[in-house]
Protein backbone atom coordinates (compact mmCIF):
# COMPACT_ATOMS: atom_id res chain seq x y z
CA UNK A 1 -32.68 7.60 -20.32
CA UNK A 2 -29.03 7.11 -21.05
CA UNK A 3 -27.06 8.56 -18.18
CA UNK A 4 -23.89 7.64 -16.37
CA UNK A 5 -21.98 8.76 -13.31
CA UNK A 6 -18.17 8.90 -13.13
CA UNK A 7 -17.47 7.40 -9.70
CA UNK A 8 -13.80 6.58 -10.16
CA UNK A 9 -14.61 2.88 -9.77
CA UNK A 10 -13.77 0.19 -12.31
CA UNK A 11 -16.74 -2.14 -12.60
CA UNK A 12 -17.54 -5.28 -14.57
CA UNK A 13 -20.92 -6.57 -15.72
CA UNK A 14 -21.87 -10.24 -15.84
CA UNK A 15 -24.12 -11.94 -18.41
CA UNK A 16 -27.21 -11.26 -16.28
CA UNK A 17 -26.49 -7.53 -16.23
CA UNK A 18 -25.25 -7.30 -12.61
CA UNK A 19 -22.34 -4.95 -11.92
CA UNK A 20 -19.37 -5.84 -9.68
CA UNK A 21 -16.70 -3.61 -8.18
CA UNK A 22 -13.20 -4.41 -9.56
CA UNK A 23 -10.88 -1.59 -8.48
CA UNK A 24 -10.52 2.14 -7.89
CA UNK A 25 -9.15 4.31 -10.68
CA UNK A 26 -6.92 7.31 -10.19
CA UNK A 27 -4.88 8.08 -7.12
CA UNK A 28 -6.96 6.06 -4.67
CA UNK A 29 -7.29 2.44 -3.67
CA UNK A 30 -9.83 0.54 -1.62
CA UNK A 31 -8.84 -1.32 1.56
CA UNK A 32 -10.99 -2.66 4.40
CA UNK A 33 -14.07 -1.23 2.69
CA UNK A 34 -12.63 2.29 2.71
CA UNK A 35 -11.31 4.51 -0.08
CA UNK A 36 -7.74 5.60 0.62
CA UNK A 37 -6.15 8.64 -1.01
CA UNK A 38 -2.59 7.69 -1.97
CA UNK A 39 -1.56 11.34 -2.25
CA UNK A 40 -2.93 12.14 1.23
CA UNK A 41 -0.95 9.27 2.77
CA UNK A 42 2.20 10.30 0.86
CA UNK A 43 1.80 13.88 2.10
CA UNK A 44 1.57 12.66 5.71
CA UNK A 45 4.67 10.51 5.19
CA UNK A 46 6.61 13.51 3.88
CA UNK A 47 5.95 15.35 7.15
CA UNK A 48 7.62 12.59 9.19
CA UNK A 49 11.18 13.41 10.33
CA UNK A 50 13.69 11.48 8.25
CA UNK A 51 11.44 11.00 5.19
CA UNK A 52 12.78 12.89 2.18
CA UNK A 53 10.19 11.68 -0.34
CA UNK A 54 7.40 9.13 -0.54
CA UNK A 55 4.95 7.61 -2.98
CA UNK A 56 1.99 5.41 -2.00
CA UNK A 57 0.01 2.85 -3.99
CA UNK A 58 -2.21 -0.16 -3.41
CA UNK A 59 -1.00 -3.75 -3.65
CA UNK A 60 -3.08 -6.94 -3.66
CA UNK A 61 -2.94 -9.20 -0.60
CA UNK A 62 -3.83 -12.83 -1.16
CA UNK A 63 -7.16 -13.78 0.34
CA UNK A 64 -8.38 -10.19 0.76
CA UNK A 65 -10.48 -7.87 -1.36
CA UNK A 66 -9.12 -4.50 -2.32
CA UNK A 67 -5.53 -3.37 -2.04
CA UNK A 68 -3.38 -2.73 1.00
CA UNK A 69 -1.31 0.42 1.15
CA UNK A 70 2.37 0.25 0.31
CA UNK A 71 4.75 3.20 0.62
CA UNK A 72 8.05 3.61 -1.18
CA UNK A 73 10.15 5.96 0.92
CA UNK A 74 13.43 7.77 0.36
CA UNK A 75 14.85 8.06 3.85
CA UNK A 76 17.21 10.64 5.23
CA UNK A 77 19.65 10.03 8.03
CA UNK A 78 17.16 10.41 10.86
CA UNK A 79 14.39 7.99 9.90
CA UNK A 80 13.40 5.56 12.66
CA UNK A 81 10.69 3.04 11.79
CA UNK A 82 9.12 3.10 15.30
CA UNK A 83 8.72 6.88 14.97
CA UNK A 84 7.30 6.41 11.47
CA UNK A 85 4.62 4.03 12.80
CA UNK A 86 3.76 6.45 15.62
CA UNK A 87 3.62 9.41 13.21
CA UNK A 88 1.23 7.55 10.91
CA UNK A 89 -0.94 6.50 13.87
CA UNK A 90 -1.25 10.14 14.96
CA UNK A 91 -2.22 11.43 11.52
CA UNK A 92 -4.09 8.63 9.70
CA UNK A 93 -6.87 6.16 10.46
CA UNK A 94 -5.77 2.52 10.70
CA UNK A 95 -7.16 1.54 7.28
CA UNK A 96 -5.13 4.29 5.54
CA UNK A 97 -1.75 3.46 7.09
CA UNK A 98 0.59 1.60 4.73
CA UNK A 99 0.79 -2.10 5.48
CA UNK A 100 4.15 -2.28 3.69
CA UNK A 101 7.05 0.17 3.56
CA UNK A 102 9.82 -0.10 0.97
CA UNK A 103 13.03 1.85 1.61
CA UNK A 104 14.38 3.12 -1.73
CA UNK A 105 17.61 5.00 -2.45
CA UNK A 106 15.65 7.26 -4.83
CA UNK A 107 12.33 7.49 -6.65
CA UNK A 108 12.13 7.59 -10.44
CA UNK A 109 10.44 10.76 -11.69
CA UNK A 110 8.16 11.52 -14.62
CA UNK A 111 8.81 14.34 -17.08
CA UNK A 112 6.78 16.59 -14.77
CA UNK A 113 8.91 15.61 -11.75
CA UNK A 114 6.28 13.46 -10.06
CA UNK A 115 7.32 10.08 -8.61
CA UNK A 116 6.42 7.12 -10.83
CA UNK A 117 4.38 4.35 -9.29
CA UNK A 118 3.88 1.82 -12.07
CA UNK A 119 7.13 -0.15 -11.66
CA UNK A 120 6.97 -0.04 -7.86
CA UNK A 121 3.34 -1.20 -7.83
CA UNK A 122 4.11 -4.02 -10.29
CA UNK A 123 6.97 -5.25 -8.08
CA UNK A 124 4.81 -4.94 -4.97
CA UNK A 125 6.23 -6.22 -1.71
CA UNK A 126 6.96 -9.69 -3.07
CA UNK A 127 9.32 -8.65 -5.88
CA UNK A 128 11.09 -5.64 -4.42
CA UNK A 129 14.87 -5.56 -4.52
CA UNK A 130 14.95 -2.91 -1.78
CA UNK A 131 14.29 -3.68 1.91
CA UNK A 132 10.57 -4.05 2.67
CA UNK A 133 9.00 -3.74 6.11
CA UNK A 134 5.50 -4.93 7.07
CA UNK A 135 3.32 -3.48 9.79
CA UNK A 136 2.89 -5.89 12.71
CA UNK A 137 -0.17 -4.90 14.72
CA UNK A 138 0.86 -6.99 17.73
CA UNK A 139 4.05 -5.00 18.26
CA UNK A 140 2.62 -1.81 16.69
CA UNK A 141 5.75 -1.53 14.58
CA UNK A 142 7.17 -2.17 11.15
CA UNK A 143 9.18 -5.40 11.02
CA UNK A 144 11.24 -6.90 8.17
CA UNK A 145 9.05 -8.65 5.60
CA UNK A 146 10.29 -12.17 4.93
CA UNK A 147 8.05 -14.26 2.66
CA UNK A 148 8.29 -18.04 2.85
CA UNK A 149 8.78 -18.12 -0.92
CA UNK A 150 8.85 -15.57 -3.73
CA UNK A 151 5.57 -16.25 -5.50
CA UNK A 152 3.83 -13.32 -7.11
CA UNK A 153 0.43 -12.52 -5.77
CA UNK A 154 0.85 -12.10 -2.08
CA UNK A 155 2.25 -13.37 1.16
CA UNK A 156 2.21 -17.12 0.82
CA UNK A 157 3.45 -17.76 4.35
CA UNK A 158 0.31 -16.26 5.91
CA UNK A 159 -2.83 -18.39 6.15
CA UNK A 160 -5.50 -17.27 3.67
CA UNK A 161 -7.87 -16.55 6.53
CA UNK A 162 -5.35 -14.43 8.44
CA UNK A 163 -6.09 -10.74 8.86
CA UNK A 164 -3.07 -8.95 7.33
CA UNK A 165 -3.62 -6.02 9.68
CA UNK A 166 -3.07 -8.41 12.58
CA UNK A 167 0.17 -10.00 11.43
CA UNK A 168 1.09 -9.66 7.74
CA UNK A 169 3.36 -12.37 6.43
CA UNK A 170 6.17 -12.03 8.92
CA UNK A 171 7.89 -14.70 10.95
């Protein structure tokens, strides 16, 4: 019979009739084979001292399937990035922690007073005008993100085979 199931996944079908996963729809993204709730991560960020507001979304990373987490944060006076990394480690599994953090002076709001994500997600970490920090697993800290060049699509200074959770595009 004709039946379907709404999974929240965007799929594509090839000429032979096989289906392939493309992306997650809604307020989730897929990273390291896991579904990540952007709203759950944003809620954890908002409980960190020094974070006034936060929005989370997935961004593509060259050479990797899925989308890595990126957080846009409005920081108060007491935000310390080492404490942010420790707070996230206490409250979230490794795959759900944002790989990139963008410090914004404010977040644009919708008519219903929810933070907008579309512009931030389109700019990603490679086109942001605000400071962006990348998680460095070796030092267990967020470090300034400095791409070798500003090409859209991902960190071009990291080898394609590099694991971005190990050392994401930082020098």
